[in-house]
Amino acid sequence: MNRPADRTPPPNGPTAVLVIAKEPVPGRVKTRLTPPYTPDEAAQLAAAALYDTLLAVRAMPARRRTVVLDGRPGDWLPDGVEVRPQCAGGLDERLAAAFAASRGPTLLIGMDTPQVSAELLAPALELTAWEARDAWFGPAEDGGFWALGLADPDPRLLRGVPMSTPGTGAAQRARLAAAGLRIGDLPALRDVDTAADARLVAAQAPTGRFATTLARLTPVTGR
């Protein structure tokens, strides 16, 4: 896999963008894709999803662009994106720590939505994004969330929220509302968890590396 081409990022905006990610190692990522895909194939798809996500982040008018990584950087990492290690603990603690290390308006996304784009996140990235909003929330179709933005990145807004359940998104949004935050809503997106998810997401972003990787793997294996 070639390293992403160097490109000058767009002008800075008011928001720092974080990508919470795991190094795409076979057997550690996208395990719900196996079967029908092998652990190595699932890792290839995870790497492609991360590549597409970070290229999208590079195109965003952000104040800073950082991948908060569990593992080591690879050739999917473009110039202009910083790397920060994840802390230990449950997902709520890792997300909370990622926000705690940031200052000022911060938007966090995952690596499971390679169809993401600067256009989808534009409401939370524009110069006026925080004038009437204290938070931005992007629900996932599986009941979780794919994007969370906070004007004041207070880690207490995430600690203790039950993660990886069908009610995670509702619980997180309720936590924001209970804190009295003015919430802006982003579009619902599908996470790549299963092979069916992968096909649907690839159709939404057919020119990305994720879609081309899926197309390369599927015919060869007869799936």
C-alpha atoms as a PDB file:
ATOM      1  CA  MET A   1       0.000   0.000   0.000  1.00  0.00           C
ATOM      2  CA  ASN A   2       1.427   3.327  -1.017  1.00  0.00           C
ATOM      3  CA  ARG A   3       1.693   6.219   1.375  1.00  0.00           C
ATOM      4  CA  PRO A   4      -1.036   8.847   0.843  1.00  0.00           C
ATOM      5  CA  ALA A   5       0.043  11.653  -1.468  1.00  0.00           C
ATOM      6  CA  ASP A   6       1.208  14.793   0.296  1.00  0.00           C
ATOM      7  CA  ARG A   7      -1.239  17.646  -0.123  1.00  0.00           C
ATOM      8  CA  THR A   8      -1.495  21.000   1.557  1.00  0.00           C
ATOM      9  CA  PRO A   9      -4.361  20.905   4.071  1.00  0.00           C
ATOM     10  CA  PRO A  10      -7.097  23.531   3.729  1.00  0.00           C
ATOM     11  CA  PRO A  11      -7.000  26.690   5.868  1.00  0.00           C
ATOM     12  CA  ASN A  12      -7.426  26.207   9.574  1.00  0.00           C
ATOM     13  CA  GLY A  13     -10.860  26.303  11.155  1.00  0.00           C
ATOM     14  CA  PRO A  14     -11.875  26.648  14.807  1.00  0.00           C
ATOM     15  CA  THR A  15     -12.173  22.903  15.487  1.00  0.00           C
ATOM     16  CA  ALA A  16      -9.583  20.238  16.285  1.00  0.00           C
ATOM     17  CA  VAL A  17     -10.405  16.883  14.684  1.00  0.00           C
ATOM     18  CA  LEU A  18      -9.491  13.608  16.417  1.00  0.00           C
ATOM     19  CA  VAL A  19      -9.719  10.131  14.893  1.00  0.00           C
ATOM     20  CA  ILE A  20      -9.857   7.311  17.434  1.00  0.00           C
ATOM     21  CA  ALA A  21      -8.218   4.306  15.777  1.00  0.00           C
ATOM     22  CA  LYS A  22      -6.632   0.914  16.243  1.00  0.00           C
ATOM     23  CA  GLU A  23      -3.623  -0.300  14.289  1.00  0.00           C
ATOM     24  CA  PRO A  24      -4.990  -2.644  11.583  1.00  0.00           C
ATOM     25  CA  VAL A  25      -3.417  -5.890  12.814  1.00  0.00           C
ATOM     26  CA  PRO A  26      -4.976  -9.221  11.739  1.00  0.00           C
ATOM     27  CA  GLY A  27      -7.033 -10.724  14.541  1.00  0.00           C
ATOM     28  CA  ARG A  28      -7.330  -7.398  16.415  1.00  0.00           C
ATOM     29  CA  VAL A  29      -9.531  -5.367  14.071  1.00  0.00           C
ATOM     30  CA  LYS A  30     -12.842  -5.923  12.298  1.00  0.00           C
ATOM     31  CA  THR A  31     -13.277  -9.361  13.867  1.00  0.00           C
ATOM     32  CA  ARG A  32     -16.995  -9.362  12.961  1.00  0.00           C
ATOM     33  CA  LEU A  33     -15.940  -9.541   9.304  1.00  0.00           C
ATOM     34  CA  THR A  34     -14.477 -13.007   9.974  1.00  0.00           C
ATOM     35  CA  PRO A  35     -16.089 -14.943   8.470  1.00  0.00           C
ATOM     36  CA  PRO A  36     -16.627 -14.493   5.581  1.00  0.00           C
ATOM     37  CA  TYR A  37     -13.262 -12.681   5.358  1.00  0.00           C
ATOM     38  CA  THR A  38     -10.029 -13.972   6.827  1.00  0.00           C
ATOM     39  CA  PRO A  39      -8.322 -12.031   9.649  1.00  0.00           C
ATOM     40  CA  ASP A  40      -5.739 -10.739   7.153  1.00  0.00           C
ATOM     41  CA  GLU A  41      -8.466  -9.590   4.750  1.00  0.00           C
ATOM     42  CA  ALA A  42     -10.370  -7.934   7.597  1.00  0.00           C
ATOM     43  CA  ALA A  43      -7.182  -6.071   8.538  1.00  0.00           C
ATOM     44  CA  GLN A  44      -6.772  -4.932   4.931  1.00  0.00           C
ATOM     45  CA  LEU A  45     -10.303  -3.554   4.993  1.00  0.00           C
ATOM     46  CA  ALA A  46      -9.637  -1.825   8.322  1.00  0.00           C
ATOM     47  CA  ALA A  47      -6.461  -0.247   6.920  1.00  0.00           C
ATOM     48  CA  ALA A  48      -8.373   0.957   3.873  1.00  0.00           C
ATOM     49  CA  ALA A  49     -11.132   2.436   6.055  1.00  0.00           C
ATOM     50  CA  LEU A  50      -8.544   4.254   8.162  1.00  0.00           C
ATOM     51  CA  TYR A  51      -6.761   5.525   5.042  1.00  0.00           C
ATOM     52  CA  ASP A  52      -9.986   6.945   3.596  1.00  0.00           C
ATOM     53  CA  THR A  53     -10.941   8.482   6.941  1.00  0.00           C
ATOM     54  CA  LEU A  54      -7.609  10.254   7.348  1.00  0.00           C
ATOM     55  CA  LEU A  55      -7.644  11.546   3.778  1.00  0.00           C
ATOM     56  CA  ALA A  56     -11.078  13.022   4.524  1.00  0.00           C
ATOM     57  CA  VAL A  57      -9.702  14.599   7.707  1.00  0.00           C
ATOM     58  CA  ARG A  58      -6.869  16.141   5.691  1.00  0.00           C
ATOM     59  CA  ALA A  59      -9.491  17.887   3.549  1.00  0.00           C
ATOM     60  CA  MET A  60     -11.242  19.387   6.575  1.00  0.00           C
ATOM     61  CA  PRO A  61     -10.689  22.998   7.677  1.00  0.00           C
ATOM     62  CA  ALA A  62      -9.444  21.965  11.107  1.00  0.00           C
ATOM     63  CA  ARG A  63      -7.282  23.643  13.716  1.00  0.00           C
ATOM     64  CA  ARG A  64      -5.420  20.365  14.320  1.00  0.00           C
ATOM     65  CA  ARG A  65      -5.733  16.878  12.859  1.00  0.00           C
ATOM     66  CA  THR A  66      -4.773  14.003  15.173  1.00  0.00           C
ATOM     67  CA  VAL A  67      -5.140  10.238  15.138  1.00  0.00           C
ATOM     68  CA  VAL A  68      -5.419   8.850  18.682  1.00  0.00           C
ATOM     69  CA  LEU A  69      -3.900   5.454  18.067  1.00  0.00           C
ATOM     70  CA  ASP A  70      -3.826   2.084  19.779  1.00  0.00           C
ATOM     71  CA  GLY A  71      -0.688   0.642  18.165  1.00  0.00           C
ATOM     72  CA  ARG A  72       1.917   1.914  15.725  1.00  0.00           C
ATOM     73  CA  PRO A  73       1.551   4.195  12.696  1.00  0.00           C
ATOM     74  CA  GLY A  74       1.648   2.618   9.237  1.00  0.00           C
ATOM     75  CA  ASP A  75       1.783   3.689   5.620  1.00  0.00           C
ATOM     76  CA  TRP A  76      -1.875   4.698   5.859  1.00  0.00           C
ATOM     77  CA  LEU A  77      -0.831   7.832   7.811  1.00  0.00           C
ATOM     78  CA  PRO A  78      -0.631  11.024   5.690  1.00  0.00           C
ATOM     79  CA  ASP A  79       1.581  13.986   6.434  1.00  0.00           C
ATOM     80  CA  GLY A  80      -0.211  16.709   8.333  1.00  0.00           C
ATOM     81  CA  VAL A  81      -1.901  14.298  10.766  1.00  0.00           C
ATOM     82  CA  GLU A  82      -0.400  14.058  14.232  1.00  0.00           C
ATOM     83  CA  VAL A  83      -0.275  10.813  16.223  1.00  0.00           C
ATOM     84  CA  ARG A  84      -1.149  10.556  19.888  1.00  0.00           C
ATOM     85  CA  PRO A  85      -1.243   7.245  21.807  1.00  0.00           C
ATOM     86  CA  GLN A  86      -4.447   5.999  23.364  1.00  0.00           C
ATOM     87  CA  CYS A  87      -4.625   5.484  27.101  1.00  0.00           C
ATOM     88  CA  ALA A  88      -5.542   2.165  28.679  1.00  0.00           C
ATOM     89  CA  GLY A  89      -9.034   1.296  29.873  1.00  0.00           C
ATOM     90  CA  GLY A  90     -12.506   0.860  28.482  1.00  0.00           C
ATOM     91  CA  LEU A  91     -13.702   2.725  25.430  1.00  0.00           C
ATOM     92  CA  ASP A  92     -15.422   5.419  27.504  1.00  0.00           C
ATOM     93  CA  GLU A  93     -12.137   6.094  29.323  1.00  0.00           C
ATOM     94  CA  ARG A  94     -10.162   6.183  26.072  1.00  0.00           C
ATOM     95  CA  LEU A  95     -12.582   8.602  24.452  1.00  0.00           C
ATOM     96  CA  ALA A  96     -12.648  10.736  27.593  1.00  0.00           C
ATOM     97  CA  ALA A  97      -8.838  10.871  27.679  1.00  0.00           C
ATOM     98  CA  ALA A  98      -8.707  11.843  24.007  1.00  0.00           C
ATOM     99  CA  PHE A  99     -10.949  14.815  24.718  1.00  0.00           C
ATOM    100  CA  ALA A 100      -9.118  15.680  27.943  1.00  0.00           C
ATOM    101  CA  ALA A 101      -5.843  16.084  26.022  1.00  0.00           C
ATOM    102  CA  SER A 102      -7.426  18.609  23.643  1.00  0.00           C
ATOM    103  CA  ARG A 103      -8.098  22.305  24.140  1.00  0.00           C
ATOM    104  CA  GLY A 104     -10.899  24.296  22.588  1.00  0.00           C
ATOM    105  CA  PRO A 105     -13.637  23.004  20.283  1.00  0.00           C
ATOM    106  CA  THR A 106     -12.909  19.373  19.416  1.00  0.00           C
ATOM    107  CA  LEU A 107     -14.619  16.884  17.120  1.00  0.00           C
ATOM    108  CA  LEU A 108     -13.922  13.150  17.470  1.00  0.00           C
ATOM    109  CA  ILE A 109     -14.753  10.523  14.852  1.00  0.00           C
ATOM    110  CA  GLY A 110     -13.917   6.842  14.456  1.00  0.00           C
ATOM    111  CA  MET A 111     -12.253   4.776  11.733  1.00  0.00           C
ATOM    112  CA  ASP A 112     -15.361   2.713  10.942  1.00  0.00           C
ATOM    113  CA  THR A 113     -17.051   5.208   8.589  1.00  0.00           C
ATOM    114  CA  PRO A 114     -14.806   5.505   5.512  1.00  0.00           C
ATOM    115  CA  GLN A 115     -17.671   7.244   3.704  1.00  0.00           C
ATOM    116  CA  VAL A 116     -17.109  10.313   5.914  1.00  0.00           C
ATOM    117  CA  SER A 117     -16.319  13.587   4.176  1.00  0.00           C
ATOM    118  CA  ALA A 118     -15.602  17.212   4.945  1.00  0.00           C
ATOM    119  CA  GLU A 119     -19.043  18.005   3.542  1.00  0.00           C
ATOM    120  CA  LEU A 120     -20.819  15.694   5.998  1.00  0.00           C
ATOM    121  CA  LEU A 121     -19.020  17.347   8.909  1.00  0.00           C
ATOM    122  CA  ALA A 122     -19.233  20.899   7.560  1.00  0.00           C
ATOM    123  CA  PRO A 123     -21.771  22.124  10.181  1.00  0.00           C
ATOM    124  CA  ALA A 124     -19.317  21.264  12.977  1.00  0.00           C
ATOM    125  CA  LEU A 125     -16.260  22.654  11.160  1.00  0.00           C
ATOM    126  CA  GLU A 126     -17.353  26.028   9.840  1.00  0.00           C
ATOM    127  CA  LEU A 127     -16.302  29.274  11.489  1.00  0.00           C
ATOM    128  CA  THR A 128     -19.723  29.723  13.119  1.00  0.00           C
ATOM    129  CA  ALA A 129     -20.055  26.081  14.247  1.00  0.00           C
ATOM    130  CA  TRP A 130     -19.968  26.858  17.960  1.00  0.00           C
ATOM    131  CA  GLU A 131     -21.860  30.138  18.103  1.00  0.00           C
ATOM    132  CA  ALA A 132     -25.194  28.449  18.825  1.00  0.00           C
ATOM    133  CA  ARG A 133     -23.993  24.923  19.717  1.00  0.00           C
ATOM    134  CA  ASP A 134     -22.056  23.442  22.625  1.00  0.00           C
ATOM    135  CA  ALA A 135     -21.954  19.947  21.120  1.00  0.00           C
ATOM    136  CA  TRP A 136     -22.345  18.136  17.801  1.00  0.00           C
ATOM    137  CA  PHE A 137     -23.624  14.569  17.659  1.00  0.00           C
ATOM    138  CA  GLY A 138     -23.530  12.075  14.785  1.00  0.00           C
ATOM    139  CA  PRO A 139     -25.599   8.932  15.448  1.00  0.00           C
ATOM    140  CA  ALA A 140     -24.679   5.568  13.948  1.00  0.00           C
ATOM    141  CA  GLU A 141     -27.332   3.352  12.424  1.00  0.00           C
ATOM    142  CA  ASP A 142     -26.457   0.512  14.807  1.00  0.00           C
ATOM    143  CA  GLY A 143     -27.403   2.600  17.848  1.00  0.00           C
ATOM    144  CA  GLY A 144     -23.954   3.983  18.609  1.00  0.00           C
ATOM    145  CA  PHE A 145     -22.419   7.231  17.436  1.00  0.00           C
ATOM    146  CA  TRP A 146     -19.779   8.020  14.834  1.00  0.00           C
ATOM    147  CA  ALA A 147     -19.053  11.672  15.649  1.00  0.00           C
ATOM    148  CA  LEU A 148     -19.011  13.732  18.824  1.00  0.00           C
ATOM    149  CA  GLY A 149     -18.008  17.364  19.044  1.00  0.00           C
ATOM    150  CA  LEU A 150     -17.592  19.405  22.224  1.00  0.00           C
ATOM    151  CA  ALA A 151     -16.958  23.133  22.517  1.00  0.00           C
ATOM    152  CA  ASP A 152     -15.436  22.414  25.928  1.00  0.00           C
ATOM    153  CA  PRO A 153     -13.850  18.931  25.749  1.00  0.00           C
ATOM    154  CA  ASP A 154     -14.833  17.858  29.269  1.00  0.00           C
ATOM    155  CA  PRO A 155     -13.995  14.149  29.788  1.00  0.00           C
ATOM    156  CA  ARG A 156     -16.765  13.806  32.380  1.00  0.00           C
ATOM    157  CA  LEU A 157     -19.272  13.942  29.526  1.00  0.00           C
ATOM    158  CA  LEU A 158     -18.066  10.494  28.371  1.00  0.00           C
ATOM    159  CA  ARG A 159     -16.887   8.602  31.438  1.00  0.00           C
ATOM    160  CA  GLY A 160     -19.389   5.966  32.494  1.00  0.00           C
ATOM    161  CA  VAL A 161     -21.419   5.990  29.277  1.00  0.00           C
ATOM    162  CA  PRO A 162     -21.989   2.314  28.333  1.00  0.00           C
ATOM    163  CA  MET A 163     -20.186   1.677  25.067  1.00  0.00           C
ATOM    164  CA  SER A 164     -20.696  -0.845  22.250  1.00  0.00           C
ATOM    165  CA  THR A 165     -24.377  -1.440  22.973  1.00  0.00           C
ATOM    166  CA  PRO A 166     -27.495  -0.670  20.895  1.00  0.00           C
ATOM    167  CA  GLY A 167     -28.248   2.123  23.379  1.00  0.00           C
ATOM    168  CA  THR A 168     -24.828   3.794  23.401  1.00  0.00           C
ATOM    169  CA  GLY A 169     -25.820   6.669  21.132  1.00  0.00           C
ATOM    170  CA  ALA A 170     -28.983   7.446  23.065  1.00  0.00           C
ATOM    171  CA  ALA A 171     -27.100   7.309  26.366  1.00  0.00           C
ATOM    172  CA  GLN A 172     -24.346   9.610  25.127  1.00  0.00           C
ATOM    173  CA  ARG A 173     -26.788  12.126  23.685  1.00  0.00           C
ATOM    174  CA  ALA A 174     -28.787  12.038  26.919  1.00  0.00           C
ATOM    175  CA  ARG A 175     -25.586  12.780  28.862  1.00  0.00           C
ATOM    176  CA  LEU A 176     -25.013  15.879  26.722  1.00  0.00           C
ATOM    177  CA  ALA A 177     -28.606  17.018  27.149  1.00  0.00           C
ATOM    178  CA  ALA A 178     -28.496  16.480  30.917  1.00  0.00           C
ATOM    179  CA  ALA A 179     -25.464  18.766  31.063  1.00  0.00           C
ATOM    180  CA  GLY A 180     -27.558  21.506  29.469  1.00  0.00           C
ATOM    181  CA  LEU A 181     -25.592  21.567  26.216  1.00  0.00           C
ATOM    182  CA  ARG A 182     -27.066  22.947  23.012  1.00  0.00           C
ATOM    183  CA  ILE A 183     -26.700  20.000  20.621  1.00  0.00           C
ATOM    184  CA  GLY A 184     -26.391  20.134  16.847  1.00  0.00           C
ATOM    185  CA  ASP A 185     -27.197  16.958  14.945  1.00  0.00           C
ATOM    186  CA  LEU A 186     -25.088  15.489  12.160  1.00  0.00           C
ATOM    187  CA  PRO A 187     -26.368  12.890   9.653  1.00  0.00           C
ATOM    188  CA  ALA A 188     -26.707   9.247  10.729  1.00  0.00           C
ATOM    189  CA  LEU A 189     -24.046   6.993   9.189  1.00  0.00           C
ATOM    190  CA  ARG A 190     -23.500   3.243   9.017  1.00  0.00           C
ATOM    191  CA  ASP A 191     -20.436   1.760  10.733  1.00  0.00           C
ATOM    192  CA  VAL A 192     -18.550  -1.058   9.017  1.00  0.00           C
ATOM    193  CA  ASP A 193     -19.032  -4.008  11.360  1.00  0.00           C
ATOM    194  CA  THR A 194     -20.297  -6.857   9.173  1.00  0.00           C
ATOM    195  CA  ALA A 195     -19.837  -7.929   5.554  1.00  0.00           C
ATOM    196  CA  ALA A 196     -23.287  -6.511   4.755  1.00  0.00           C
ATOM    197  CA  ASP A 197     -22.244  -3.178   6.266  1.00  0.00           C
ATOM    198  CA  ALA A 198     -19.073  -3.227   4.192  1.00  0.00           C
ATOM    199  CA  ARG A 199     -20.994  -3.637   0.947  1.00  0.00           C
ATOM    200  CA  LEU A 200     -23.432  -0.833   1.754  1.00  0.00           C
ATOM    201  CA  VAL A 201     -20.707   1.589   2.863  1.00  0.00           C
ATOM    202  CA  ALA A 202     -18.565   0.820  -0.186  1.00  0.00           C
ATOM    203  CA  ALA A 203     -21.542   1.691  -2.400  1.00  0.00           C
ATOM    204  CA  GLN A 204     -21.752   5.093  -0.710  1.00  0.00           C
ATOM    205  CA  ALA A 205     -18.074   5.866  -1.420  1.00  0.00           C
ATOM    206  CA  PRO A 206     -17.289   3.802  -4.536  1.00  0.00           C
ATOM    207  CA  THR A 207     -14.037   5.584  -5.443  1.00  0.00           C
ATOM    208  CA  GLY A 208     -12.359   5.236  -2.057  1.00  0.00           C
ATOM    209  CA  ARG A 209      -9.679   2.746  -1.071  1.00  0.00           C
ATOM    210  CA  PHE A 210     -12.163   0.874   1.107  1.00  0.00           C
ATOM    211  CA  ALA A 211     -14.456   0.201  -1.857  1.00  0.00           C
ATOM    212  CA  THR A 212     -11.604  -0.831  -4.142  1.00  0.00           C
ATOM    213  CA  THR A 213     -10.147  -3.116  -1.476  1.00  0.00           C
ATOM    214  CA  LEU A 214     -13.520  -4.769  -0.902  1.00  0.00           C
ATOM    215  CA  ALA A 215     -13.981  -5.262  -4.654  1.00  0.00           C
ATOM    216  CA  ARG A 216     -10.509  -6.805  -4.935  1.00  0.00           C
ATOM    217  CA  LEU A 217     -11.079  -9.248  -2.087  1.00  0.00           C
ATOM    218  CA  THR A 218     -14.641 -10.351  -2.787  1.00  0.00           C
ATOM    219  CA  PRO A 219     -14.361 -11.839  -6.316  1.00  0.00           C
ATOM    220  CA  VAL A 220     -11.092 -13.618  -5.553  1.00  0.00           C
ATOM    221  CA  THR A 221     -12.560 -15.496  -2.591  1.00  0.00           C
ATOM    222  CA  GLY A 222     -15.926 -16.131  -4.229  1.00  0.00           C
ATOM    223  CA  ARG A 223     -17.837 -14.295  -1.502  1.00  0.00           C
END
